[in-house]
Amino acid sequence: MRKLFITLSFLLITFTVQSQNNEVFDALLKTYVTPDGKLDYKGLRKNKAVLDIYLNQLETTIPLKKWSSKKAKAFWMNAYNAYTIKLIIDSYPLKKLTDIKIKGKSAWKIPFAKVGNQTYSLDYIEHRILRRWHDDARIHVGINAGAISGPRFPNYAFTEKNIESKLEMLMKEFINDDTKNKISLTDVQVSKIFEWYQEDFTLKTSLIDYINRYSNTKVNDNAKVSYLDYNWNLNEK
């Protein structure tokens, strides 16, 4: 009954079709994502209509060049995460996102994410919009594939006002999570994310320096760096 009441409450929300009106998505995440980032996919699947409200909003919102970088970054990261959830629940039950294949294309290359009357793939949003335009390695803890080895799935929507503080918090949590990264004075075993996107993390500094910016344990400059295996299984509640 509680979930039904929440769903009905969502459906009664009145909102204008603007990029930063994230109340529906924020409420959805707070309901179906635990504080430690585990997703209730069964619950989300039963309430697809609520997610569709937000996706319909994205479809009719045209991102504007006059938006601030913070506003644009928050908008596109929310879009990426919302469409990732849609892809998973449309294919659920599912073990991991990498199992999805449609017409020979992986989950990241399927053109299905509708934003501003155009259709994108998750790869396009990540690599051509977020990485190219915003030059911020922290996007890699903001966008999420719902994998066990990935950063915590945020249980809130990003906004122009919270984007900086939330990305700082997510990166600090991720680097200091010893189930994702194992950091000591002389030995660093970190997530594959730091290998896959090393150019983003080392654009202005070394990888060790970037890690030390957030790590509770400060690492020596000559520490050995290796990369941990990545578990793509869904981070399911």
C-alpha atoms as a PDB file:
ATOM      1  CA  MET A   1       0.000   0.000   0.000  1.00  0.00           C
ATOM      2  CA  ARG A   2       2.844   2.376   0.805  1.00  0.00           C
ATOM      3  CA  LYS A   3       4.406   1.908  -2.646  1.00  0.00           C
ATOM      4  CA  LEU A   4       0.986   2.383  -4.263  1.00  0.00           C
ATOM      5  CA  PHE A   5       0.452   5.603  -2.305  1.00  0.00           C
ATOM      6  CA  ILE A   6       3.891   6.856  -3.338  1.00  0.00           C
ATOM      7  CA  THR A   7       3.165   6.015  -6.972  1.00  0.00           C
ATOM      8  CA  LEU A   8      -0.172   7.832  -6.907  1.00  0.00           C
ATOM      9  CA  SER A   9       1.510  10.799  -5.244  1.00  0.00           C
ATOM     10  CA  PHE A  10       4.101  10.910  -8.024  1.00  0.00           C
ATOM     11  CA  LEU A  11       1.411  10.835 -10.677  1.00  0.00           C
ATOM     12  CA  LEU A  12      -0.325  13.816  -9.071  1.00  0.00           C
ATOM     13  CA  ILE A  13       2.823  15.956  -9.148  1.00  0.00           C
ATOM     14  CA  THR A  14       2.341  18.949 -11.399  1.00  0.00           C
ATOM     15  CA  PHE A  15       5.473  20.148 -13.143  1.00  0.00           C
ATOM     16  CA  THR A  16       6.547  22.307 -16.086  1.00  0.00           C
ATOM     17  CA  VAL A  17       8.662  20.679 -18.782  1.00  0.00           C
ATOM     18  CA  GLN A  18      12.008  22.166 -17.854  1.00  0.00           C
ATOM     19  CA  SER A  19      15.402  20.560 -17.499  1.00  0.00           C
ATOM     20  CA  GLN A  20      15.921  21.244 -13.829  1.00  0.00           C
ATOM     21  CA  ASN A  21      12.500  20.129 -12.616  1.00  0.00           C
ATOM     22  CA  ASN A  22      13.754  16.822 -11.233  1.00  0.00           C
ATOM     23  CA  GLU A  23      11.187  16.192  -8.502  1.00  0.00           C
ATOM     24  CA  VAL A  24       9.791  13.033 -10.103  1.00  0.00           C
ATOM     25  CA  PHE A  25      13.193  11.446 -10.736  1.00  0.00           C
ATOM     26  CA  ASP A  26      14.500  12.500  -7.328  1.00  0.00           C
ATOM     27  CA  ALA A  27      11.466  10.975  -5.571  1.00  0.00           C
ATOM     28  CA  LEU A  28      11.779   7.787  -7.630  1.00  0.00           C
ATOM     29  CA  LEU A  29      15.455   7.370  -6.694  1.00  0.00           C
ATOM     30  CA  LYS A  30      14.803   8.050  -3.016  1.00  0.00           C
ATOM     31  CA  THR A  31      12.110   5.344  -3.042  1.00  0.00           C
ATOM     32  CA  TYR A  32      13.862   2.599  -5.009  1.00  0.00           C
ATOM     33  CA  VAL A  33      17.586   3.175  -4.355  1.00  0.00           C
ATOM     34  CA  THR A  34      18.963   2.436  -0.894  1.00  0.00           C
ATOM     35  CA  PRO A  35      21.308   4.907   0.820  1.00  0.00           C
ATOM     36  CA  ASP A  36      24.250   2.616  -0.022  1.00  0.00           C
ATOM     37  CA  GLY A  37      23.277   2.532  -3.697  1.00  0.00           C
ATOM     38  CA  LYS A  38      21.462  -0.774  -4.171  1.00  0.00           C
ATOM     39  CA  LEU A  39      18.513  -0.736  -6.564  1.00  0.00           C
ATOM     40  CA  ASP A  40      15.122  -2.333  -6.125  1.00  0.00           C
ATOM     41  CA  TYR A  41      14.638  -3.341  -9.761  1.00  0.00           C
ATOM     42  CA  LYS A  42      11.491  -5.339  -9.026  1.00  0.00           C
ATOM     43  CA  GLY A  43       9.885  -2.288  -7.467  1.00  0.00           C
ATOM     44  CA  LEU A  44      11.062  -0.066 -10.300  1.00  0.00           C
ATOM     45  CA  ARG A  45       9.659  -2.503 -12.854  1.00  0.00           C
ATOM     46  CA  LYS A  46       6.251  -2.415 -11.172  1.00  0.00           C
ATOM     47  CA  ASN A  47       6.285   1.384 -11.322  1.00  0.00           C
ATOM     48  CA  LYS A  48       7.615   1.943 -14.841  1.00  0.00           C
ATOM     49  CA  ALA A  49       4.876   4.511 -15.405  1.00  0.00           C
ATOM     50  CA  VAL A  50       6.522   6.797 -12.850  1.00  0.00           C
ATOM     51  CA  LEU A  51       9.901   6.582 -14.596  1.00  0.00           C
ATOM     52  CA  ASP A  52       8.119   7.260 -17.889  1.00  0.00           C
ATOM     53  CA  ILE A  53       6.907  10.601 -16.524  1.00  0.00           C
ATOM     54  CA  TYR A  54      10.515  11.728 -16.190  1.00  0.00           C
ATOM     55  CA  LEU A  55      11.616  10.160 -19.493  1.00  0.00           C
ATOM     56  CA  ASN A  56       8.785  11.951 -21.291  1.00  0.00           C
ATOM     57  CA  GLN A  57      10.016  15.164 -19.737  1.00  0.00           C
ATOM     58  CA  LEU A  58      13.543  14.493 -21.027  1.00  0.00           C
ATOM     59  CA  GLU A  59      12.203  13.742 -24.485  1.00  0.00           C
ATOM     60  CA  THR A  60      10.561  17.147 -24.770  1.00  0.00           C
ATOM     61  CA  THR A  61      13.310  19.192 -23.078  1.00  0.00           C
ATOM     62  CA  ILE A  62      15.771  20.764 -25.488  1.00  0.00           C
ATOM     63  CA  PRO A  63      19.148  21.421 -23.797  1.00  0.00           C
ATOM     64  CA  LEU A  64      20.174  25.012 -24.368  1.00  0.00           C
ATOM     65  CA  LYS A  65      23.633  26.406 -25.115  1.00  0.00           C
ATOM     66  CA  LYS A  66      23.030  29.180 -22.598  1.00  0.00           C
ATOM     67  CA  TRP A  67      22.823  26.689 -19.725  1.00  0.00           C
ATOM     68  CA  SER A  68      25.660  26.803 -17.228  1.00  0.00           C
ATOM     69  CA  SER A  69      28.095  23.885 -17.249  1.00  0.00           C
ATOM     70  CA  LYS A  70      26.705  22.749 -13.879  1.00  0.00           C
ATOM     71  CA  LYS A  71      23.136  22.766 -15.159  1.00  0.00           C
ATOM     72  CA  ALA A  72      24.026  20.886 -18.341  1.00  0.00           C
ATOM     73  CA  LYS A  73      26.174  18.360 -16.501  1.00  0.00           C
ATOM     74  CA  ALA A  74      23.418  17.605 -13.980  1.00  0.00           C
ATOM     75  CA  PHE A  75      20.820  17.287 -16.754  1.00  0.00           C
ATOM     76  CA  TRP A  76      22.841  14.838 -18.866  1.00  0.00           C
ATOM     77  CA  MET A  77      23.973  12.741 -15.896  1.00  0.00           C
ATOM     78  CA  ASN A  78      20.357  12.367 -14.753  1.00  0.00           C
ATOM     79  CA  ALA A  79      19.386  11.425 -18.294  1.00  0.00           C
ATOM     80  CA  TYR A  80      22.133   8.783 -18.465  1.00  0.00           C
ATOM     81  CA  ASN A  81      21.114   7.229 -15.141  1.00  0.00           C
ATOM     82  CA  ALA A  82      17.392   7.317 -15.912  1.00  0.00           C
ATOM     83  CA  TYR A  83      17.857   5.612 -19.265  1.00  0.00           C
ATOM     84  CA  THR A  84      20.199   3.042 -17.722  1.00  0.00           C
ATOM     85  CA  ILE A  85      17.424   2.138 -15.272  1.00  0.00           C
ATOM     86  CA  LYS A  86      14.942   1.908 -18.159  1.00  0.00           C
ATOM     87  CA  LEU A  87      17.235  -0.395 -20.131  1.00  0.00           C
ATOM     88  CA  ILE A  88      17.698  -2.706 -17.151  1.00  0.00           C
ATOM     89  CA  ILE A  89      14.056  -2.937 -16.091  1.00  0.00           C
ATOM     90  CA  ASP A  90      12.931  -3.427 -19.696  1.00  0.00           C
ATOM     91  CA  SER A  91      15.258  -6.468 -19.838  1.00  0.00           C
ATOM     92  CA  TYR A  92      14.641  -7.662 -16.275  1.00  0.00           C
ATOM     93  CA  PRO A  93      15.212 -10.255 -14.864  1.00  0.00           C
ATOM     94  CA  LEU A  94      18.834  -9.639 -15.772  1.00  0.00           C
ATOM     95  CA  LYS A  95      22.173 -10.592 -14.262  1.00  0.00           C
ATOM     96  CA  LYS A  96      24.233  -7.709 -15.624  1.00  0.00           C
ATOM     97  CA  LEU A  97      24.032  -4.853 -18.091  1.00  0.00           C
ATOM     98  CA  THR A  98      26.685  -6.438 -20.303  1.00  0.00           C
ATOM     99  CA  ASP A  99      24.231  -9.278 -21.074  1.00  0.00           C
ATOM    100  CA  ILE A 100      22.001  -6.918 -23.051  1.00  0.00           C
ATOM    101  CA  LYS A 101      22.351  -7.156 -26.809  1.00  0.00           C
ATOM    102  CA  ILE A 102      19.876  -5.690 -29.305  1.00  0.00           C
ATOM    103  CA  LYS A 103      20.523  -6.216 -33.009  1.00  0.00           C
ATOM    104  CA  GLY A 104      24.140  -7.024 -32.206  1.00  0.00           C
ATOM    105  CA  LYS A 105      24.690  -3.805 -30.227  1.00  0.00           C
ATOM    106  CA  SER A 106      25.738  -3.686 -26.579  1.00  0.00           C
ATOM    107  CA  ALA A 107      23.726  -1.796 -23.981  1.00  0.00           C
ATOM    108  CA  TRP A 108      25.900   1.293 -24.385  1.00  0.00           C
ATOM    109  CA  LYS A 109      25.605   1.482 -28.170  1.00  0.00           C
ATOM    110  CA  ILE A 110      21.837   1.067 -28.573  1.00  0.00           C
ATOM    111  CA  PRO A 111      20.233   4.338 -29.758  1.00  0.00           C
ATOM    112  CA  PHE A 112      17.193   4.544 -27.491  1.00  0.00           C
ATOM    113  CA  ALA A 113      17.668   7.511 -25.110  1.00  0.00           C
ATOM    114  CA  LYS A 114      15.359  10.296 -26.292  1.00  0.00           C
ATOM    115  CA  VAL A 115      16.323  13.818 -25.243  1.00  0.00           C
ATOM    116  CA  GLY A 116      15.054  17.020 -26.840  1.00  0.00           C
ATOM    117  CA  ASN A 117      13.440  15.182 -29.753  1.00  0.00           C
ATOM    118  CA  GLN A 118      16.724  13.452 -30.615  1.00  0.00           C
ATOM    119  CA  THR A 119      17.822   9.880 -29.895  1.00  0.00           C
ATOM    120  CA  TYR A 120      21.154   9.008 -28.290  1.00  0.00           C
ATOM    121  CA  SER A 121      23.026   5.967 -27.068  1.00  0.00           C
ATOM    122  CA  LEU A 122      24.474   5.849 -23.553  1.00  0.00           C
ATOM    123  CA  ASP A 123      27.931   5.888 -25.138  1.00  0.00           C
ATOM    124  CA  TYR A 124      27.122   9.110 -26.989  1.00  0.00           C
ATOM    125  CA  ILE A 125      25.915  10.819 -23.817  1.00  0.00           C
ATOM    126  CA  GLU A 126      28.999   9.708 -21.897  1.00  0.00           C
ATOM    127  CA  HIS A 127      31.769  10.178 -24.460  1.00  0.00           C
ATOM    128  CA  ARG A 128      30.495  12.862 -26.823  1.00  0.00           C
ATOM    129  CA  ILE A 129      28.619  15.057 -24.367  1.00  0.00           C
ATOM    130  CA  LEU A 130      29.793  14.592 -20.788  1.00  0.00           C
ATOM    131  CA  ARG A 131      33.458  13.726 -21.358  1.00  0.00           C
ATOM    132  CA  ARG A 132      33.997  16.038 -24.331  1.00  0.00           C
ATOM    133  CA  TRP A 133      32.119  19.096 -23.160  1.00  0.00           C
ATOM    134  CA  HIS A 134      32.620  19.052 -19.424  1.00  0.00           C
ATOM    135  CA  ASP A 135      36.188  17.845 -18.879  1.00  0.00           C
ATOM    136  CA  ASP A 136      35.491  16.455 -15.404  1.00  0.00           C
ATOM    137  CA  ALA A 137      36.702  12.997 -14.341  1.00  0.00           C
ATOM    138  CA  ARG A 138      34.127  12.974 -11.548  1.00  0.00           C
ATOM    139  CA  ILE A 139      31.401  12.189 -14.079  1.00  0.00           C
ATOM    140  CA  HIS A 140      32.627   8.580 -13.828  1.00  0.00           C
ATOM    141  CA  VAL A 141      31.194   8.331 -10.309  1.00  0.00           C
ATOM    142  CA  GLY A 142      28.048  10.256 -11.257  1.00  0.00           C
ATOM    143  CA  ILE A 143      26.857   8.176 -14.195  1.00  0.00           C
ATOM    144  CA  ASN A 144      26.173   4.579 -13.332  1.00  0.00           C
ATOM    145  CA  ALA A 145      25.693   1.145 -14.897  1.00  0.00           C
ATOM    146  CA  GLY A 146      24.291  -0.351 -11.696  1.00  0.00           C
ATOM    147  CA  ALA A 147      27.220  -2.762 -11.340  1.00  0.00           C
ATOM    148  CA  ILE A 148      28.544  -4.177  -8.080  1.00  0.00           C
ATOM    149  CA  SER A 149      32.063  -2.887  -8.768  1.00  0.00           C
ATOM    150  CA  GLY A 150      30.870   0.545  -9.800  1.00  0.00           C
ATOM    151  CA  PRO A 151      30.424   3.667  -7.688  1.00  0.00           C
ATOM    152  CA  ARG A 152      27.368   4.022  -5.466  1.00  0.00           C
ATOM    153  CA  PHE A 153      24.215   4.634  -7.480  1.00  0.00           C
ATOM    154  CA  PRO A 154      22.983   8.018  -6.230  1.00  0.00           C
ATOM    155  CA  ASN A 155      19.603   7.940  -4.498  1.00  0.00           C
ATOM    156  CA  TYR A 156      18.893  11.520  -5.574  1.00  0.00           C
ATOM    157  CA  ALA A 157      18.762  13.542  -8.772  1.00  0.00           C
ATOM    158  CA  PHE A 158      21.585  15.912  -9.641  1.00  0.00           C
ATOM    159  CA  THR A 159      20.793  19.615  -9.855  1.00  0.00           C
ATOM    160  CA  GLU A 160      22.647  22.761 -10.792  1.00  0.00           C
ATOM    161  CA  LYS A 161      22.918  23.557  -7.074  1.00  0.00           C
ATOM    162  CA  ASN A 162      24.075  20.176  -5.744  1.00  0.00           C
ATOM    163  CA  ILE A 163      26.217  18.854  -8.594  1.00  0.00           C
ATOM    164  CA  GLU A 164      29.594  19.974  -7.226  1.00  0.00           C
ATOM    165  CA  SER A 165      29.100  18.807  -3.652  1.00  0.00           C
ATOM    166  CA  LYS A 166      27.526  15.503  -4.720  1.00  0.00           C
ATOM    167  CA  LEU A 167      30.300  14.625  -7.177  1.00  0.00           C
ATOM    168  CA  GLU A 168      32.955  15.446  -4.580  1.00  0.00           C
ATOM    169  CA  MET A 169      31.173  13.249  -2.039  1.00  0.00           C
ATOM    170  CA  LEU A 170      30.693  10.357  -4.497  1.00  0.00           C
ATOM    171  CA  MET A 171      34.336  10.395  -5.565  1.00  0.00           C
ATOM    172  CA  LYS A 172      35.563  10.454  -1.971  1.00  0.00           C
ATOM    173  CA  GLU A 173      33.213   7.600  -1.026  1.00  0.00           C
ATOM    174  CA  PHE A 174      34.243   5.556  -4.054  1.00  0.00           C
ATOM    175  CA  ILE A 175      37.998   5.918  -3.600  1.00  0.00           C
ATOM    176  CA  ASN A 176      37.779   5.105   0.113  1.00  0.00           C
ATOM    177  CA  ASP A 177      35.470   2.105  -0.351  1.00  0.00           C
ATOM    178  CA  ASP A 178      37.790  -0.856   0.223  1.00  0.00           C
ATOM    179  CA  THR A 179      35.429  -3.159  -1.675  1.00  0.00           C
ATOM    180  CA  LYS A 180      36.134  -1.067  -4.796  1.00  0.00           C
ATOM    181  CA  ASN A 181      39.680   0.213  -4.199  1.00  0.00           C
ATOM    182  CA  LYS A 182      42.478  -1.022  -1.926  1.00  0.00           C
ATOM    183  CA  ILE A 183      44.866   1.756  -1.051  1.00  0.00           C
ATOM    184  CA  SER A 184      47.983   1.682   1.091  1.00  0.00           C
ATOM    185  CA  LEU A 185      51.121   3.790   1.396  1.00  0.00           C
ATOM    186  CA  THR A 186      53.092   1.810  -1.179  1.00  0.00           C
ATOM    187  CA  ASP A 187      50.523  -0.264  -3.053  1.00  0.00           C
ATOM    188  CA  VAL A 188      47.402   0.879  -4.862  1.00  0.00           C
ATOM    189  CA  GLN A 189      44.849  -1.550  -6.277  1.00  0.00           C
ATOM    190  CA  VAL A 190      42.122   0.500  -7.863  1.00  0.00           C
ATOM    191  CA  SER A 191      39.004   0.068  -9.940  1.00  0.00           C
ATOM    192  CA  LYS A 192      39.242  -0.587 -13.669  1.00  0.00           C
ATOM    193  CA  ILE A 193      37.491   2.752 -14.052  1.00  0.00           C
ATOM    194  CA  PHE A 194      40.839   4.429 -13.399  1.00  0.00           C
ATOM    195  CA  GLU A 195      42.416   2.379 -16.174  1.00  0.00           C
ATOM    196  CA  TRP A 196      39.594   2.711 -18.711  1.00  0.00           C
ATOM    197  CA  TYR A 197      39.461   6.495 -18.293  1.00  0.00           C
ATOM    198  CA  GLN A 198      43.022   7.174 -17.220  1.00  0.00           C
ATOM    199  CA  GLU A 199      43.348  10.109 -19.614  1.00  0.00           C
ATOM    200  CA  ASP A 200      40.491  11.865 -17.772  1.00  0.00           C
ATOM    201  CA  PHE A 201      42.032  11.355 -14.341  1.00  0.00           C
ATOM    202  CA  THR A 202      45.541  12.335 -15.444  1.00  0.00           C
ATOM    203  CA  LEU A 203      44.729  15.301 -17.688  1.00  0.00           C
ATOM    204  CA  LYS A 204      45.988  17.803 -15.124  1.00  0.00           C
ATOM    205  CA  THR A 205      47.814  15.605 -12.624  1.00  0.00           C
ATOM    206  CA  SER A 206      49.152  12.095 -12.041  1.00  0.00           C
ATOM    207  CA  LEU A 207      46.850   9.247 -11.080  1.00  0.00           C
ATOM    208  CA  ILE A 208      48.476   9.022  -7.639  1.00  0.00           C
ATOM    209  CA  ASP A 209      47.954  12.735  -7.069  1.00  0.00           C
ATOM    210  CA  TYR A 210      44.326  12.430  -8.121  1.00  0.00           C
ATOM    211  CA  ILE A 211      43.771   9.536  -5.723  1.00  0.00           C
ATOM    212  CA  ASN A 212      45.513  11.404  -2.900  1.00  0.00           C
ATOM    213  CA  ARG A 213      43.130  14.310  -3.374  1.00  0.00           C
ATOM    214  CA  TYR A 214      40.327  12.087  -2.034  1.00  0.00           C
ATOM    215  CA  SER A 215      41.970   9.154  -0.266  1.00  0.00           C
ATOM    216  CA  ASN A 216      42.079   8.977   3.518  1.00  0.00           C
ATOM    217  CA  THR A 217      45.372   7.105   3.114  1.00  0.00           C
ATOM    218  CA  LYS A 218      47.980   9.213   1.346  1.00  0.00           C
ATOM    219  CA  VAL A 219      50.002   7.250  -1.184  1.00  0.00           C
ATOM    220  CA  ASN A 220      53.703   7.577  -1.989  1.00  0.00           C
ATOM    221  CA  ASP A 221      54.536   8.992  -5.412  1.00  0.00           C
ATOM    222  CA  ASN A 222      56.344   5.776  -6.396  1.00  0.00           C
ATOM    223  CA  ALA A 223      53.612   3.426  -5.173  1.00  0.00           C
ATOM    224  CA  LYS A 224      52.796   0.392  -7.301  1.00  0.00           C
ATOM    225  CA  VAL A 225      49.485   0.745  -9.156  1.00  0.00           C
ATOM    226  CA  SER A 226      47.376  -2.191 -10.363  1.00  0.00           C
ATOM    227  CA  TYR A 227      43.742  -2.604 -11.365  1.00  0.00           C
ATOM    228  CA  LEU A 228      41.118  -4.853  -9.814  1.00  0.00           C
ATOM    229  CA  ASP A 229      38.768  -7.143 -11.715  1.00  0.00           C
ATOM    230  CA  TYR A 230      35.402  -5.541 -12.398  1.00  0.00           C
ATOM    231  CA  ASN A 231      32.179  -7.255 -11.332  1.00  0.00           C
ATOM    232  CA  TRP A 232      29.398  -6.260 -13.741  1.00  0.00           C
ATOM    233  CA  ASN A 233      26.630  -8.076 -11.838  1.00  0.00           C
ATOM    234  CA  LEU A 234      23.723  -5.832 -10.933  1.00  0.00           C
ATOM    235  CA  ASN A 235      23.990  -4.006  -7.626  1.00  0.00           C
ATOM    236  CA  GLU A 236      20.555  -5.241  -6.677  1.00  0.00           C
ATOM    237  CA  LYS A 237      18.691  -4.794  -3.394  1.00  0.00           C
END
